[in-house]
Amino acid sequence: MDSDSTSDQSRALDQLDRQIVRATQGGLPLVERPYAEVARRLGVSADDVIRRMQRMLDSGIIRRIGAVPNHYTLGFRGNGMSVWDVDDAKADELGRKIGAFDFVSHAYRRPRYLPEWRYNLFAMVHGKDRDEVMEKVALIAAMLGDQDRGHEVLFSTRILKKTGLRIA
């Protein structure tokens, strides 16, 4: 994003928008009605919080609202990024098929960097251990058949904290 559009988006945030972002950037409250709890803390209505968050989503100020599970806490310790060499013209279609597996949290395209890096499709595979991940990768490979022109699995060696932009 260029600096002009960044400053346009910054100007689009009023004081209440900034308070909402600050109140939710570390995650929504883990209660039955999280938007109502944010609203209570800020002294506004839940409808106002929801309406403003939707506006920020629609305008691109907020890119998404989603759950970020800690796979290690859930017992999935064999997490591996599978990388695939597939036909560029079929990568989107194949990525959707791979992403539909319940053991894949996300699948996406990346550019190749030939000759060092031939892989253009990435999919995060979760399992209880590395053997289970490899079994699941074999299922993906079987589904792809001849469309799999090669793949590898890059296993996680440490947990990185996933956070987005923070407003102070």
Protein backbone atom coordinates (compact mmCIF):
# COMPACT_ATOMS: atom_id res chain seq x y z
CA MET A 1 0.00 0.00 0.00
CA ASP A 2 1.41 3.41 -0.84
CA SER A 3 1.75 6.15 1.74
CA ASP A 4 -1.03 8.27 0.21
CA SER A 5 -3.66 5.56 0.68
CA THR A 6 -2.31 4.83 4.16
CA SER A 7 -2.76 8.45 5.18
CA ASP A 8 -6.24 8.52 3.59
CA GLN A 9 -7.21 5.50 5.70
CA SER A 10 -5.69 7.05 8.84
CA ARG A 11 -7.77 10.18 8.32
CA ALA A 12 -10.87 8.02 7.88
CA LEU A 13 -10.58 6.81 11.49
CA ASP A 14 -12.25 9.00 14.06
CA GLN A 15 -11.63 8.75 17.80
CA LEU A 16 -14.26 6.03 18.38
CA ASP A 17 -12.93 3.97 15.45
CA ARG A 18 -9.45 4.11 16.99
CA GLN A 19 -10.84 3.07 20.38
CA ILE A 20 -12.61 0.11 18.75
CA VAL A 21 -9.42 -0.95 16.96
CA ARG A 22 -7.40 -0.64 20.19
CA ALA A 23 -10.03 -2.60 22.12
CA THR A 24 -10.08 -5.47 19.61
CA GLN A 25 -6.56 -5.61 18.16
CA GLY A 26 -5.46 -8.12 20.79
CA GLY A 27 -8.55 -10.25 20.15
CA LEU A 28 -12.23 -10.06 20.92
CA PRO A 29 -13.25 -10.70 24.53
CA LEU A 30 -13.92 -14.39 25.16
CA VAL A 31 -17.51 -13.93 26.25
CA GLU A 32 -20.89 -14.91 24.81
CA ARG A 33 -21.46 -11.44 23.26
CA PRO A 34 -18.00 -10.00 22.48
CA TYR A 35 -19.21 -6.93 20.57
CA ALA A 36 -21.54 -6.02 23.43
CA GLU A 37 -18.61 -6.29 25.83
CA VAL A 38 -16.45 -4.02 23.65
CA ALA A 39 -19.35 -1.58 23.45
CA ARG A 40 -19.83 -1.66 27.24
CA ARG A 41 -16.13 -0.88 27.77
CA LEU A 42 -16.30 2.05 25.33
CA GLY A 43 -19.67 3.39 26.48
CA VAL A 44 -21.46 2.93 23.14
CA SER A 45 -24.02 0.49 21.72
CA ALA A 46 -23.10 -2.93 20.35
CA ASP A 47 -24.86 -1.97 17.10
CA ASP A 48 -22.54 1.03 16.78
CA VAL A 49 -19.45 -1.16 17.31
CA ILE A 50 -20.67 -3.70 14.73
CA ARG A 51 -21.64 -1.00 12.21
CA ARG A 52 -18.28 0.76 12.53
CA MET A 53 -16.30 -2.48 12.30
CA GLN A 54 -18.26 -3.43 9.18
CA ARG A 55 -17.48 -0.03 7.64
CA MET A 56 -13.79 -0.48 8.42
CA LEU A 57 -13.88 -3.96 6.86
CA ASP A 58 -15.69 -2.66 3.76
CA SER A 59 -13.17 0.16 3.32
CA GLY A 60 -10.12 -2.07 3.87
CA ILE A 61 -9.01 -0.42 7.11
CA ILE A 62 -9.59 -3.80 8.77
CA ARG A 63 -8.75 -6.68 6.44
CA ARG A 64 -10.51 -9.47 8.30
CA ILE A 65 -11.90 -10.66 11.59
CA GLY A 66 -11.12 -14.28 12.33
CA ALA A 67 -10.13 -16.82 14.90
CA VAL A 68 -6.43 -17.62 15.27
CA PRO A 69 -6.22 -20.93 17.13
CA ASN A 70 -3.05 -21.95 18.90
CA HIS A 71 -2.54 -25.33 17.26
CA TYR A 72 0.10 -26.37 19.78
CA THR A 73 -2.30 -25.80 22.69
CA LEU A 74 -4.89 -27.89 20.84
CA GLY A 75 -2.40 -30.76 20.60
CA PHE A 76 -1.31 -30.29 16.98
CA ARG A 77 2.48 -30.27 17.31
CA GLY A 78 3.52 -31.63 13.92
CA ASN A 79 2.56 -28.59 11.87
CA GLY A 80 4.18 -28.39 8.47
CA MET A 81 3.99 -26.05 5.51
CA SER A 82 3.56 -28.21 2.44
CA VAL A 83 4.88 -26.60 -0.73
CA TRP A 84 3.75 -27.76 -4.15
CA ASP A 85 4.89 -27.36 -7.73
CA VAL A 86 1.71 -27.24 -9.82
CA ASP A 87 0.76 -25.73 -13.15
CA ASP A 88 0.34 -21.96 -12.65
CA ALA A 89 -2.89 -22.00 -14.66
CA LYS A 90 -4.41 -24.53 -12.23
CA ALA A 91 -2.91 -23.24 -8.96
CA ASP A 92 -6.01 -21.34 -7.79
CA GLU A 93 -8.34 -24.28 -8.46
CA LEU A 94 -5.97 -26.76 -6.82
CA GLY A 95 -5.41 -24.41 -3.88
CA ARG A 96 -9.17 -24.35 -3.23
CA LYS A 97 -9.27 -28.17 -3.30
CA ILE A 98 -6.32 -28.45 -0.92
CA GLY A 99 -7.79 -25.77 1.36
CA ALA A 100 -11.02 -27.78 1.63
CA PHE A 101 -9.26 -30.54 3.61
CA ASP A 102 -10.14 -30.18 7.31
CA PHE A 103 -6.48 -30.58 8.32
CA VAL A 104 -5.36 -27.61 6.18
CA SER A 105 -5.74 -24.21 7.86
CA HIS A 106 -4.76 -22.15 4.82
CA ALA A 107 -3.59 -22.56 1.25
CA TYR A 108 -2.26 -19.82 -1.02
CA ARG A 109 -0.15 -19.04 -4.07
CA ARG A 110 3.37 -17.65 -3.93
CA PRO A 111 5.74 -16.69 -6.72
CA ARG A 112 8.39 -19.11 -7.87
CA TYR A 113 12.03 -18.07 -7.61
CA LEU A 114 13.65 -20.22 -10.26
CA PRO A 115 15.94 -22.02 -10.32
CA GLU A 116 16.25 -22.11 -6.50
CA TRP A 117 12.55 -22.33 -5.58
CA ARG A 118 10.08 -24.04 -7.90
CA TYR A 119 7.07 -24.18 -5.57
CA ASN A 120 4.05 -21.95 -6.22
CA LEU A 121 1.33 -23.36 -3.93
CA PHE A 122 1.60 -23.47 -0.14
CA ALA A 123 -0.70 -25.26 2.34
CA MET A 124 -0.34 -25.42 6.13
CA VAL A 125 -1.03 -28.98 7.30
CA HIS A 126 -1.71 -29.74 10.97
CA GLY A 127 -1.25 -33.05 12.77
CA LYS A 128 -0.52 -34.47 16.19
CA ASP A 129 3.04 -35.28 15.06
CA ARG A 130 5.22 -35.21 11.94
CA ASP A 131 4.19 -38.73 10.88
CA GLU A 132 0.53 -37.70 10.88
CA VAL A 133 1.35 -34.59 8.83
CA MET A 134 3.20 -36.73 6.29
CA GLU A 135 0.16 -39.06 6.04
CA LYS A 136 -2.06 -36.05 5.37
CA VAL A 137 0.37 -34.66 2.78
CA ALA A 138 0.18 -38.06 1.06
CA LEU A 139 -3.61 -37.61 0.87
CA ILE A 140 -3.11 -34.24 -0.82
CA ALA A 141 -0.59 -35.77 -3.23
CA ALA A 142 -3.04 -38.57 -4.07
CA MET A 143 -5.79 -36.04 -4.73
CA LEU A 144 -3.48 -34.02 -6.98
CA GLY A 145 -2.26 -37.09 -8.87
CA ASP A 146 -0.22 -36.10 -11.93
CA GLN A 147 -0.84 -32.41 -11.15
CA ASP A 148 1.74 -32.74 -8.32
CA ARG A 149 5.04 -32.02 -10.07
CA GLY A 150 6.89 -32.18 -6.76
CA HIS A 151 6.41 -31.16 -3.15
CA GLU A 152 8.16 -30.81 0.19
CA VAL A 153 7.11 -30.28 3.80
CA LEU A 154 8.75 -27.56 5.87
CA PHE A 155 8.15 -28.32 9.54
CA SER A 156 7.77 -25.61 12.15
CA THR A 157 10.75 -25.30 14.46
CA ARG A 158 9.34 -22.61 16.74
CA ILE A 159 6.10 -20.81 17.48
CA LEU A 160 5.83 -17.27 16.18
CA LYS A 161 3.36 -14.88 17.73
CA LYS A 162 0.87 -13.84 15.06
CA THR A 163 -0.28 -10.26 15.43
CA GLY A 164 -1.48 -7.56 13.12
CA LEU A 165 -0.86 -3.85 13.12
CA ARG A 166 -1.18 -2.27 16.55
CA ILE A 167 -2.44 1.25 17.20
CA ALA A 168 -0.93 2.74 20.34
